[in-house]
Amino acid sequence: MVNPDDTLERAAQKRGYLRIAGLDEVGRGPLAGPVTAAAVVLDLRAVPEGLNDSKKLSARKREMLEAELLIGAEVSVAHASVTEIDQMNILRASHLAMERAVAALNPQPDFLLIDGNLIPRGLTLPSQAVVRGDARSVSIAAASIVAKTARDRIMVDLAQQHPGYGWETNAGYPTKSHRLALQNLGVTPHHRRSFKPVHNIL
């Protein structure tokens, strides 16, 4: 199993870029909650040990790494709401969250490494799309960790307001218990009405 490294960041530096941000989003698949993106500019001389695709790390390890990143890196987090997801579709909304995360970095980065195969149309900075980027680039891995921990906290918070859907553990993803709760308890304001399982109940 290959862990992410700084090859892509170093290559960008060789081309003269100084502030390289990794960009990732989390929450495309859930039936509820926002989609969340993070942008992270790492100090490549002090990359936290153990950075990896957030899906490969335990919640405890993600939180430890997030704490390190908030101290030693430049980090921004942004969201697109359920309303925006329903209005524009999940892909465009996830891109909007990414655009907002980049806009919140100050000073602005001069190069972006973006997880996936598309560059959001609102991003005009020099950029490189990296398929499975969270497993290849330390900056994108860092962004995946920050986005995941931030969104998980939102879902735990929403779970207090809407008990029964299991958001504190399923983060809004369509688990069997979440689908069952949808049928039994109905649709909350935080459910994505444009998503088929929710739409069908309505």
N, C-alpha and C. Protein backbone atom coordinates (compact mmCIF):
# COMPACT_ATOMS: atom_id res chain seq x y z
N MET A 1 0.85 -1.20 0.00
CA MET A 1 0.00 0.00 0.00
C MET A 1 0.89 1.25 0.00
N VAL A 2 0.78 2.04 -1.02
CA VAL A 2 1.61 3.25 -1.13
C VAL A 2 0.91 4.40 -0.42
N ASN A 3 1.66 5.10 0.43
CA ASN A 3 1.11 6.27 1.10
C ASN A 3 1.35 7.52 0.27
N PRO A 4 0.53 8.56 0.46
CA PRO A 4 0.75 9.79 -0.29
C PRO A 4 2.11 10.41 0.04
N ASP A 5 2.69 11.08 -0.94
CA ASP A 5 3.97 11.76 -0.70
C ASP A 5 3.93 13.16 -1.31
N ASP A 6 5.08 13.84 -1.34
CA ASP A 6 5.10 15.23 -1.80
C ASP A 6 5.65 15.39 -3.22
N THR A 7 5.61 14.29 -4.01
CA THR A 7 6.14 14.34 -5.38
C THR A 7 5.46 15.44 -6.21
N LEU A 8 4.13 15.49 -6.15
CA LEU A 8 3.39 16.47 -6.97
C LEU A 8 3.66 17.90 -6.50
N GLU A 9 3.77 18.06 -5.17
CA GLU A 9 4.08 19.38 -4.62
C GLU A 9 5.47 19.85 -5.06
N ARG A 10 6.45 18.93 -4.98
CA ARG A 10 7.84 19.28 -5.36
C ARG A 10 7.92 19.62 -6.86
N ALA A 11 7.15 18.89 -7.67
CA ALA A 11 7.14 19.16 -9.11
C ALA A 11 6.59 20.56 -9.38
N ALA A 12 5.56 20.94 -8.64
CA ALA A 12 5.00 22.29 -8.81
C ALA A 12 6.00 23.35 -8.35
N GLN A 13 6.71 23.05 -7.27
CA GLN A 13 7.74 23.99 -6.79
C GLN A 13 8.83 24.19 -7.84
N LYS A 14 9.21 23.10 -8.50
CA LYS A 14 10.24 23.19 -9.54
C LYS A 14 9.81 24.10 -10.69
N ARG A 15 8.47 24.17 -10.88
CA ARG A 15 7.94 25.05 -11.94
C ARG A 15 7.76 26.48 -11.44
N GLY A 16 8.18 26.72 -10.19
CA GLY A 16 8.18 28.10 -9.68
C GLY A 16 7.02 28.47 -8.77
N TYR A 17 6.16 27.50 -8.46
CA TYR A 17 5.03 27.81 -7.57
C TYR A 17 5.49 27.69 -6.12
N LEU A 18 5.01 28.62 -5.28
CA LEU A 18 5.47 28.68 -3.89
C LEU A 18 4.39 28.26 -2.90
N ARG A 19 3.14 28.64 -3.18
CA ARG A 19 2.04 28.34 -2.24
C ARG A 19 1.09 27.34 -2.89
N ILE A 20 1.32 26.08 -2.56
CA ILE A 20 0.57 25.00 -3.22
C ILE A 20 -0.48 24.48 -2.25
N ALA A 21 -1.74 24.54 -2.68
CA ALA A 21 -2.84 24.09 -1.83
C ALA A 21 -3.38 22.76 -2.35
N GLY A 22 -3.59 21.83 -1.43
CA GLY A 22 -4.33 20.61 -1.74
C GLY A 22 -5.80 20.85 -1.46
N LEU A 23 -6.64 20.25 -2.29
CA LEU A 23 -8.09 20.53 -2.22
C LEU A 23 -8.85 19.22 -2.33
N ASP A 24 -9.80 19.01 -1.40
CA ASP A 24 -10.62 17.81 -1.46
C ASP A 24 -11.99 18.12 -0.86
N GLU A 25 -12.97 17.30 -1.22
CA GLU A 25 -14.30 17.46 -0.64
C GLU A 25 -14.78 16.13 -0.08
N VAL A 26 -15.73 16.22 0.83
CA VAL A 26 -16.33 15.02 1.40
C VAL A 26 -17.83 15.24 1.49
N GLY A 27 -18.58 14.17 1.30
CA GLY A 27 -20.02 14.27 1.48
C GLY A 27 -20.82 14.34 0.20
N ARG A 28 -20.31 13.74 -0.87
CA ARG A 28 -21.12 13.69 -2.10
C ARG A 28 -22.22 12.64 -2.00
N GLY A 29 -21.93 11.55 -1.30
CA GLY A 29 -22.84 10.40 -1.30
C GLY A 29 -23.97 10.41 -0.28
N PRO A 30 -23.87 11.19 0.82
CA PRO A 30 -24.91 11.13 1.84
C PRO A 30 -26.28 11.62 1.34
N LEU A 31 -27.30 11.22 2.08
CA LEU A 31 -28.67 11.67 1.79
C LEU A 31 -28.99 12.93 2.56
N ALA A 32 -28.13 13.30 3.52
CA ALA A 32 -28.41 14.45 4.38
C ALA A 32 -27.12 15.21 4.66
N GLY A 33 -27.30 16.49 4.98
CA GLY A 33 -26.18 17.33 5.38
C GLY A 33 -25.49 18.01 4.21
N PRO A 34 -24.61 18.96 4.53
CA PRO A 34 -23.92 19.71 3.49
C PRO A 34 -22.83 18.89 2.82
N VAL A 35 -22.27 19.41 1.75
CA VAL A 35 -21.03 18.88 1.19
C VAL A 35 -19.93 19.85 1.65
N THR A 36 -18.80 19.29 2.07
CA THR A 36 -17.75 20.07 2.73
C THR A 36 -16.44 19.93 1.98
N ALA A 37 -15.74 21.04 1.82
CA ALA A 37 -14.44 21.01 1.15
C ALA A 37 -13.39 21.65 2.06
N ALA A 38 -12.15 21.24 1.90
CA ALA A 38 -11.05 21.87 2.62
C ALA A 38 -9.91 22.16 1.65
N ALA A 39 -9.21 23.24 1.92
CA ALA A 39 -7.99 23.59 1.19
C ALA A 39 -6.86 23.70 2.22
N VAL A 40 -5.73 23.06 1.94
CA VAL A 40 -4.62 23.05 2.89
C VAL A 40 -3.31 23.36 2.18
N VAL A 41 -2.59 24.35 2.71
CA VAL A 41 -1.24 24.66 2.24
C VAL A 41 -0.28 24.14 3.31
N LEU A 42 0.46 23.09 2.97
CA LEU A 42 1.39 22.47 3.92
C LEU A 42 2.75 23.16 3.87
N ASP A 43 3.43 23.13 5.01
CA ASP A 43 4.86 23.41 5.02
C ASP A 43 5.55 22.07 4.74
N LEU A 44 6.13 21.92 3.56
CA LEU A 44 6.67 20.61 3.15
C LEU A 44 7.86 20.18 4.00
N ARG A 45 8.40 21.12 4.79
CA ARG A 45 9.50 20.74 5.69
C ARG A 45 8.95 20.15 6.99
N ALA A 46 7.65 20.27 7.20
CA ALA A 46 7.06 19.80 8.46
C ALA A 46 5.70 19.15 8.20
N VAL A 47 5.72 18.11 7.39
CA VAL A 47 4.47 17.41 7.08
C VAL A 47 4.16 16.42 8.21
N PRO A 48 2.96 16.47 8.79
CA PRO A 48 2.63 15.54 9.87
C PRO A 48 2.80 14.08 9.44
N GLU A 49 3.31 13.27 10.36
CA GLU A 49 3.48 11.83 10.10
C GLU A 49 2.11 11.17 9.95
N GLY A 50 2.00 10.27 8.98
CA GLY A 50 0.80 9.44 8.89
C GLY A 50 -0.34 10.01 8.08
N LEU A 51 -0.08 11.10 7.34
CA LEU A 51 -1.13 11.64 6.46
C LEU A 51 -1.54 10.59 5.44
N ASN A 52 -2.85 10.42 5.28
CA ASN A 52 -3.34 9.45 4.30
C ASN A 52 -4.76 9.83 3.92
N ASP A 53 -5.27 9.16 2.92
CA ASP A 53 -6.68 9.27 2.55
C ASP A 53 -7.51 9.12 3.83
N SER A 54 -8.40 10.09 4.09
CA SER A 54 -9.14 10.09 5.36
C SER A 54 -9.93 8.80 5.57
N LYS A 55 -10.34 8.16 4.48
CA LYS A 55 -11.15 6.93 4.60
C LYS A 55 -10.33 5.76 5.16
N LYS A 56 -8.99 5.89 5.09
CA LYS A 56 -8.12 4.80 5.56
C LYS A 56 -7.69 4.99 7.01
N LEU A 57 -8.15 6.08 7.64
CA LEU A 57 -7.72 6.39 9.01
C LEU A 57 -8.89 6.27 9.98
N SER A 58 -8.57 5.94 11.23
CA SER A 58 -9.61 5.91 12.27
C SER A 58 -10.00 7.35 12.61
N ALA A 59 -11.18 7.49 13.20
CA ALA A 59 -11.66 8.83 13.59
C ALA A 59 -10.66 9.49 14.54
N ARG A 60 -10.09 8.69 15.46
CA ARG A 60 -9.15 9.24 16.44
C ARG A 60 -7.89 9.76 15.75
N LYS A 61 -7.39 8.97 14.79
CA LYS A 61 -6.18 9.37 14.05
C LYS A 61 -6.46 10.62 13.21
N ARG A 62 -7.64 10.69 12.60
CA ARG A 62 -8.00 11.88 11.82
C ARG A 62 -8.01 13.12 12.70
N GLU A 63 -8.57 12.97 13.91
CA GLU A 63 -8.64 14.13 14.81
C GLU A 63 -7.27 14.57 15.27
N MET A 64 -6.39 13.62 15.52
CA MET A 64 -5.02 13.96 15.92
C MET A 64 -4.29 14.71 14.79
N LEU A 65 -4.45 14.19 13.57
CA LEU A 65 -3.80 14.84 12.42
C LEU A 65 -4.41 16.22 12.16
N GLU A 66 -5.72 16.32 12.30
CA GLU A 66 -6.37 17.62 12.10
C GLU A 66 -5.79 18.65 13.07
N ALA A 67 -5.63 18.25 14.34
CA ALA A 67 -5.07 19.17 15.35
C ALA A 67 -3.67 19.64 14.93
N GLU A 68 -2.86 18.72 14.43
CA GLU A 68 -1.52 19.08 13.96
C GLU A 68 -1.58 20.03 12.77
N LEU A 69 -2.50 19.75 11.85
CA LEU A 69 -2.62 20.58 10.64
C LEU A 69 -3.08 22.00 10.98
N LEU A 70 -3.98 22.11 11.95
CA LEU A 70 -4.49 23.43 12.31
C LEU A 70 -3.38 24.29 12.93
N ILE A 71 -2.38 23.64 13.52
CA ILE A 71 -1.24 24.37 14.09
C ILE A 71 -0.18 24.66 13.03
N GLY A 72 0.16 23.65 12.22
CA GLY A 72 1.34 23.75 11.37
C GLY A 72 1.12 24.04 9.90
N ALA A 73 -0.15 24.12 9.48
CA ALA A 73 -0.44 24.36 8.06
C ALA A 73 -1.47 25.49 7.94
N GLU A 74 -1.70 25.94 6.71
CA GLU A 74 -2.79 26.90 6.48
C GLU A 74 -4.00 26.12 5.99
N VAL A 75 -5.10 26.31 6.69
CA VAL A 75 -6.27 25.45 6.48
C VAL A 75 -7.51 26.31 6.32
N SER A 76 -8.35 25.97 5.35
CA SER A 76 -9.68 26.57 5.31
C SER A 76 -10.71 25.50 4.96
N VAL A 77 -11.89 25.68 5.50
CA VAL A 77 -13.00 24.73 5.30
C VAL A 77 -14.22 25.52 4.82
N ALA A 78 -14.95 24.96 3.87
CA ALA A 78 -16.16 25.62 3.38
C ALA A 78 -17.21 24.57 3.01
N HIS A 79 -18.43 25.01 2.89
CA HIS A 79 -19.55 24.08 2.66
C HIS A 79 -20.44 24.59 1.53
N ALA A 80 -21.21 23.66 0.97
CA ALA A 80 -22.38 24.02 0.17
C ALA A 80 -23.57 23.35 0.85
N SER A 81 -24.65 24.10 0.98
CA SER A 81 -25.80 23.66 1.78
C SER A 81 -26.66 22.65 1.03
N VAL A 82 -27.54 22.02 1.79
CA VAL A 82 -28.51 21.09 1.20
C VAL A 82 -29.35 21.80 0.13
N THR A 83 -29.75 23.04 0.41
CA THR A 83 -30.53 23.82 -0.57
C THR A 83 -29.74 23.99 -1.86
N GLU A 84 -28.45 24.33 -1.72
CA GLU A 84 -27.62 24.52 -2.91
C GLU A 84 -27.43 23.20 -3.67
N ILE A 85 -27.27 22.10 -2.92
CA ILE A 85 -27.13 20.78 -3.56
C ILE A 85 -28.38 20.48 -4.39
N ASP A 86 -29.55 20.73 -3.79
CA ASP A 86 -30.82 20.45 -4.50
C ASP A 86 -31.02 21.38 -5.69
N GLN A 87 -30.54 22.61 -5.57
CA GLN A 87 -30.73 23.58 -6.66
C GLN A 87 -29.81 23.30 -7.85
N MET A 88 -28.56 22.93 -7.56
CA MET A 88 -27.60 22.90 -8.67
C MET A 88 -27.05 21.52 -9.00
N ASN A 89 -27.25 20.53 -8.22
CA ASN A 89 -26.76 19.15 -8.28
C ASN A 89 -25.48 18.99 -7.46
N ILE A 90 -25.21 17.77 -7.06
CA ILE A 90 -24.17 17.52 -6.06
C ILE A 90 -22.77 17.82 -6.61
N LEU A 91 -22.53 17.54 -7.87
CA LEU A 91 -21.20 17.81 -8.43
C LEU A 91 -20.90 19.30 -8.40
N ARG A 92 -21.84 20.10 -8.90
CA ARG A 92 -21.63 21.55 -8.93
C ARG A 92 -21.51 22.11 -7.50
N ALA A 93 -22.33 21.57 -6.59
CA ALA A 93 -22.29 22.04 -5.19
C ALA A 93 -20.95 21.69 -4.54
N SER A 94 -20.42 20.50 -4.85
CA SER A 94 -19.12 20.13 -4.27
C SER A 94 -18.02 21.03 -4.84
N HIS A 95 -18.15 21.41 -6.10
CA HIS A 95 -17.20 22.36 -6.69
C HIS A 95 -17.32 23.74 -6.06
N LEU A 96 -18.56 24.14 -5.77
CA LEU A 96 -18.78 25.44 -5.12
C LEU A 96 -18.11 25.45 -3.74
N ALA A 97 -18.24 24.36 -3.00
CA ALA A 97 -17.59 24.27 -1.68
C ALA A 97 -16.07 24.39 -1.83
N MET A 98 -15.51 23.74 -2.86
CA MET A 98 -14.06 23.84 -3.12
C MET A 98 -13.67 25.29 -3.45
N GLU A 99 -14.47 25.93 -4.29
CA GLU A 99 -14.18 27.33 -4.67
C GLU A 99 -14.18 28.22 -3.43
N ARG A 100 -15.13 27.98 -2.54
CA ARG A 100 -15.22 28.78 -1.31
C ARG A 100 -14.02 28.51 -0.40
N ALA A 101 -13.59 27.25 -0.33
CA ALA A 101 -12.44 26.92 0.53
C ALA A 101 -11.18 27.63 0.04
N VAL A 102 -10.98 27.65 -1.27
CA VAL A 102 -9.80 28.34 -1.84
C VAL A 102 -9.90 29.84 -1.59
N ALA A 103 -11.09 30.40 -1.80
CA ALA A 103 -11.29 31.85 -1.61
C ALA A 103 -10.98 32.29 -0.19
N ALA A 104 -11.18 31.37 0.77
CA ALA A 104 -10.98 31.71 2.19
C ALA A 104 -9.50 31.69 2.61
N LEU A 105 -8.63 31.15 1.77
CA LEU A 105 -7.19 31.16 2.10
C LEU A 105 -6.63 32.56 1.88
N ASN A 106 -5.90 33.05 2.86
CA ASN A 106 -5.31 34.38 2.74
C ASN A 106 -3.91 34.37 3.35
N PRO A 107 -2.86 34.65 2.55
CA PRO A 107 -2.91 34.98 1.13
C PRO A 107 -3.32 33.78 0.26
N GLN A 108 -3.72 34.10 -0.95
CA GLN A 108 -4.17 33.07 -1.88
C GLN A 108 -3.02 32.15 -2.30
N PRO A 109 -3.31 30.86 -2.54
CA PRO A 109 -2.27 29.98 -3.09
C PRO A 109 -1.97 30.37 -4.54
N ASP A 110 -0.87 29.88 -5.08
CA ASP A 110 -0.59 30.14 -6.50
C ASP A 110 -0.71 28.88 -7.35
N PHE A 111 -0.98 27.73 -6.69
CA PHE A 111 -1.17 26.49 -7.44
C PHE A 111 -2.08 25.57 -6.63
N LEU A 112 -2.96 24.84 -7.33
CA LEU A 112 -3.91 23.95 -6.66
C LEU A 112 -3.73 22.51 -7.14
N LEU A 113 -3.69 21.59 -6.19
CA LEU A 113 -3.76 20.15 -6.48
C LEU A 113 -5.15 19.71 -6.03
N ILE A 114 -5.97 19.27 -6.98
CA ILE A 114 -7.38 19.02 -6.72
C ILE A 114 -7.70 17.54 -6.87
N ASP A 115 -8.33 16.97 -5.83
CA ASP A 115 -8.72 15.57 -5.91
C ASP A 115 -9.80 15.38 -6.96
N GLY A 116 -9.62 14.35 -7.80
CA GLY A 116 -10.64 14.04 -8.81
C GLY A 116 -10.12 14.27 -10.22
N ASN A 117 -11.05 14.25 -11.17
CA ASN A 117 -10.63 14.40 -12.57
C ASN A 117 -11.14 15.69 -13.20
N LEU A 118 -11.77 16.55 -12.37
CA LEU A 118 -12.32 17.81 -12.90
C LEU A 118 -11.78 18.99 -12.10
N ILE A 119 -11.57 20.11 -12.77
CA ILE A 119 -11.21 21.35 -12.09
C ILE A 119 -12.46 22.22 -12.04
N PRO A 120 -12.92 22.58 -10.83
CA PRO A 120 -14.13 23.42 -10.73
C PRO A 120 -14.00 24.68 -11.58
N ARG A 121 -15.07 25.01 -12.29
CA ARG A 121 -14.97 26.10 -13.27
C ARG A 121 -14.75 27.46 -12.62
N GLY A 122 -15.07 27.58 -11.34
CA GLY A 122 -14.87 28.85 -10.66
C GLY A 122 -13.44 29.07 -10.18
N LEU A 123 -12.58 28.08 -10.35
CA LEU A 123 -11.19 28.21 -9.91
C LEU A 123 -10.31 28.62 -11.10
N THR A 124 -9.75 29.80 -11.01
CA THR A 124 -8.97 30.33 -12.13
C THR A 124 -7.46 30.22 -11.90
N LEU A 125 -7.06 29.77 -10.72
CA LEU A 125 -5.62 29.61 -10.44
C LEU A 125 -5.07 28.43 -11.22
N PRO A 126 -3.76 28.42 -11.51
CA PRO A 126 -3.15 27.23 -12.11
C PRO A 126 -3.47 26.00 -11.25
N SER A 127 -3.93 24.93 -11.88
CA SER A 127 -4.44 23.78 -11.14
C SER A 127 -4.09 22.48 -11.83
N GLN A 128 -4.06 21.42 -11.03
CA GLN A 128 -3.88 20.07 -11.58
C GLN A 128 -4.90 19.17 -10.89
N ALA A 129 -5.72 18.50 -11.69
CA ALA A 129 -6.65 17.51 -11.14
C ALA A 129 -5.89 16.20 -10.97
N VAL A 130 -6.07 15.55 -9.83
CA VAL A 130 -5.33 14.33 -9.52
C VAL A 130 -6.32 13.23 -9.13
N VAL A 131 -6.47 12.24 -10.00
CA VAL A 131 -7.38 11.12 -9.70
C VAL A 131 -6.82 10.34 -8.51
N ARG A 132 -7.69 10.03 -7.55
CA ARG A 132 -7.30 9.39 -6.29
C ARG A 132 -6.19 10.19 -5.59
N GLY A 133 -6.34 11.50 -5.67
CA GLY A 133 -5.34 12.40 -5.14
C GLY A 133 -5.08 12.24 -3.66
N ASP A 134 -6.13 11.86 -2.90
CA ASP A 134 -5.94 11.73 -1.45
C ASP A 134 -5.02 10.57 -1.10
N ALA A 135 -4.79 9.67 -2.04
CA ALA A 135 -3.85 8.56 -1.82
C ALA A 135 -2.48 8.86 -2.43
N ARG A 136 -2.34 10.00 -3.14
CA ARG A 136 -1.09 10.30 -3.85
C ARG A 136 -0.37 11.54 -3.34
N SER A 137 -1.15 12.56 -2.95
CA SER A 137 -0.56 13.85 -2.57
C SER A 137 -0.78 14.12 -1.09
N VAL A 138 0.29 14.51 -0.38
CA VAL A 138 0.14 14.81 1.06
C VAL A 138 -0.80 16.00 1.28
N SER A 139 -0.77 16.97 0.37
CA SER A 139 -1.63 18.15 0.54
C SER A 139 -3.11 17.79 0.38
N ILE A 140 -3.40 16.95 -0.61
CA ILE A 140 -4.79 16.53 -0.82
C ILE A 140 -5.24 15.62 0.33
N ALA A 141 -4.34 14.73 0.78
CA ALA A 141 -4.66 13.87 1.93
C ALA A 141 -5.00 14.73 3.15
N ALA A 142 -4.20 15.77 3.37
CA ALA A 142 -4.45 16.68 4.49
C ALA A 142 -5.83 17.33 4.36
N ALA A 143 -6.16 17.77 3.14
CA ALA A 143 -7.47 18.39 2.90
C ALA A 143 -8.60 17.38 3.13
N SER A 144 -8.38 16.13 2.75
CA SER A 144 -9.43 15.11 2.93
C SER A 144 -9.70 14.87 4.41
N ILE A 145 -8.65 14.92 5.23
CA ILE A 145 -8.79 14.70 6.68
C ILE A 145 -9.54 15.86 7.32
N VAL A 146 -9.15 17.08 6.97
CA VAL A 146 -9.80 18.27 7.55
C VAL A 146 -11.27 18.34 7.14
N ALA A 147 -11.55 18.08 5.87
CA ALA A 147 -12.94 18.13 5.40
C ALA A 147 -13.79 17.08 6.10
N LYS A 148 -13.24 15.87 6.25
CA LYS A 148 -14.00 14.77 6.87
C LYS A 148 -14.29 15.06 8.35
N THR A 149 -13.28 15.52 9.09
CA THR A 149 -13.52 15.78 10.52
C THR A 149 -14.51 16.93 10.69
N ALA A 150 -14.39 17.95 9.85
CA ALA A 150 -15.31 19.10 9.95
C ALA A 150 -16.75 18.67 9.66
N ARG A 151 -16.93 17.88 8.59
CA ARG A 151 -18.28 17.47 8.24
C ARG A 151 -18.86 16.49 9.26
N ASP A 152 -18.03 15.57 9.76
CA ASP A 152 -18.51 14.62 10.78
C ASP A 152 -19.04 15.36 12.01
N ARG A 153 -18.34 16.44 12.40
CA ARG A 153 -18.78 17.21 13.57
C ARG A 153 -20.15 17.86 13.31
N ILE A 154 -20.33 18.36 12.09
CA ILE A 154 -21.63 18.96 11.73
C ILE A 154 -22.73 17.91 11.84
N MET A 155 -22.45 16.70 11.35
CA MET A 155 -23.47 15.65 11.36
C MET A 155 -23.79 15.17 12.78
N VAL A 156 -22.78 15.15 13.65
CA VAL A 156 -23.02 14.80 15.07
C VAL A 156 -23.94 15.85 15.69
N ASP A 157 -23.67 17.12 15.37
CA ASP A 157 -24.47 18.23 15.86
C ASP A 157 -25.91 18.12 15.37
N LEU A 158 -26.09 17.85 14.07
CA LEU A 158 -27.44 17.72 13.50
C LEU A 158 -28.17 16.51 14.08
N ALA A 159 -27.40 15.48 14.44
CA ALA A 159 -28.00 14.27 15.02
C ALA A 159 -28.67 14.57 16.37
N GLN A 160 -28.11 15.54 17.11
CA GLN A 160 -28.72 15.93 18.39
C GLN A 160 -30.10 16.55 18.14
N GLN A 161 -30.20 17.32 17.05
CA GLN A 161 -31.46 18.01 16.74
C GLN A 161 -32.48 17.07 16.10
N HIS A 162 -31.99 16.04 15.42
CA HIS A 162 -32.89 15.10 14.72
C HIS A 162 -32.48 13.67 15.06
N PRO A 163 -32.79 13.22 16.29
CA PRO A 163 -32.39 11.86 16.68
C PRO A 163 -33.15 10.79 15.89
N GLY A 164 -32.53 9.63 15.79
CA GLY A 164 -33.20 8.50 15.16
C GLY A 164 -32.65 8.12 13.80
N TYR A 165 -31.92 9.06 13.16
CA TYR A 165 -31.39 8.78 11.82
C TYR A 165 -29.96 8.23 11.86
N GLY A 166 -29.35 8.29 13.04
CA GLY A 166 -28.00 7.72 13.19
C GLY A 166 -26.89 8.55 12.56
N TRP A 167 -27.14 9.85 12.38
CA TRP A 167 -26.13 10.68 11.70
C TRP A 167 -24.82 10.76 12.46
N GLU A 168 -24.89 10.55 13.79
CA GLU A 168 -23.65 10.63 14.58
C GLU A 168 -22.69 9.49 14.21
N THR A 169 -23.23 8.42 13.62
CA THR A 169 -22.34 7.33 13.18
C THR A 169 -22.30 7.17 11.66
N ASN A 170 -23.44 7.43 10.97
CA ASN A 170 -23.43 7.21 9.50
C ASN A 170 -23.15 8.48 8.70
N ALA A 171 -23.04 9.63 9.40
CA ALA A 171 -22.71 10.92 8.77
C ALA A 171 -23.66 11.28 7.61
N GLY A 172 -24.87 10.70 7.66
CA GLY A 172 -25.84 11.01 6.62
C GLY A 172 -25.82 10.08 5.42
N TYR A 173 -24.86 9.15 5.40
CA TYR A 173 -24.79 8.20 4.28
C TYR A 173 -25.97 7.23 4.33
N PRO A 174 -26.33 6.66 3.17
CA PRO A 174 -27.55 5.84 3.09
C PRO A 174 -27.38 4.43 3.64
N THR A 175 -27.09 4.32 4.94
CA THR A 175 -27.03 3.00 5.58
C THR A 175 -28.44 2.44 5.67
N LYS A 176 -28.51 1.15 5.98
CA LYS A 176 -29.81 0.49 6.10
C LYS A 176 -30.66 1.17 7.17
N SER A 177 -30.05 1.48 8.33
CA SER A 177 -30.81 2.09 9.44
C SER A 177 -31.26 3.51 9.08
N HIS A 178 -30.44 4.23 8.31
CA HIS A 178 -30.81 5.58 7.90
C HIS A 178 -32.01 5.53 6.93
N ARG A 179 -31.98 4.60 5.99
CA ARG A 179 -33.10 4.47 5.04
C ARG A 179 -34.39 4.10 5.78
N LEU A 180 -34.24 3.21 6.76
CA LEU A 180 -35.39 2.77 7.55
C LEU A 180 -35.98 3.95 8.34
N ALA A 181 -35.09 4.75 8.94
CA ALA A 181 -35.53 5.92 9.70
C ALA A 181 -36.25 6.92 8.80
N LEU A 182 -35.75 7.05 7.57
CA LEU A 182 -36.41 7.95 6.60
C LEU A 182 -37.86 7.53 6.39
N GLN A 183 -38.07 6.22 6.25
CA GLN A 183 -39.43 5.72 6.02
C GLN A 183 -40.31 5.90 7.26
N ASN A 184 -39.71 5.66 8.44
CA ASN A 184 -40.49 5.69 9.68
C ASN A 184 -40.67 7.09 10.25
N LEU A 185 -39.64 7.92 10.14
CA LEU A 185 -39.67 9.25 10.77
C LEU A 185 -39.91 10.38 9.78
N GLY A 186 -39.73 10.07 8.50
CA GLY A 186 -39.96 11.09 7.47
C GLY A 186 -38.70 11.90 7.15
N VAL A 187 -38.89 12.91 6.32
CA VAL A 187 -37.78 13.70 5.76
C VAL A 187 -37.56 14.95 6.61
N THR A 188 -36.31 15.22 6.98
CA THR A 188 -35.99 16.43 7.75
C THR A 188 -35.59 17.57 6.79
N PRO A 189 -35.49 18.79 7.30
CA PRO A 189 -35.01 19.89 6.44
C PRO A 189 -33.56 19.69 5.98
N HIS A 190 -32.85 18.75 6.62
CA HIS A 190 -31.44 18.53 6.27
C HIS A 190 -31.24 17.41 5.24
N HIS A 191 -32.34 16.81 4.81
CA HIS A 191 -32.25 15.78 3.77
C HIS A 191 -32.20 16.41 2.38
N ARG A 192 -31.49 15.76 1.50
CA ARG A 192 -31.34 16.24 0.11
C ARG A 192 -32.51 15.73 -0.71
N ARG A 193 -33.43 16.63 -1.00
CA ARG A 193 -34.67 16.23 -1.67
C ARG A 193 -34.45 15.76 -3.11
N SER A 194 -33.34 16.17 -3.71
CA SER A 194 -33.07 15.77 -5.09
C SER A 194 -32.48 14.35 -5.18
N PHE A 195 -32.13 13.77 -4.02
CA PHE A 195 -31.56 12.41 -4.02
C PHE A 195 -32.69 11.39 -4.02
N LYS A 196 -32.56 10.39 -4.86
CA LYS A 196 -33.67 9.46 -5.14
C LYS A 196 -34.35 8.86 -3.90
N PRO A 197 -33.59 8.28 -2.93
CA PRO A 197 -34.28 7.66 -1.78
C PRO A 197 -35.13 8.66 -1.00
N VAL A 198 -34.70 9.93 -0.95
CA VAL A 198 -35.46 10.97 -0.26
C VAL A 198 -36.65 11.40 -1.12
N HIS A 199 -36.37 11.64 -2.38
CA HIS A 199 -37.38 12.07 -3.35
C HIS A 199 -38.53 11.05 -3.42
N ASN A 200 -38.18 9.78 -3.39
CA ASN A 200 -39.20 8.72 -3.48
C ASN A 200 -40.14 8.75 -2.30
N ILE A 201 -39.62 9.07 -1.11
CA ILE A 201 -40.46 9.13 0.08
C ILE A 201 -41.40 10.34 0.00
N LEU A 202 -40.87 11.44 -0.51
CA LEU A 202 -41.71 12.63 -0.67
C LEU A 202 -42.77 12.42 -1.76
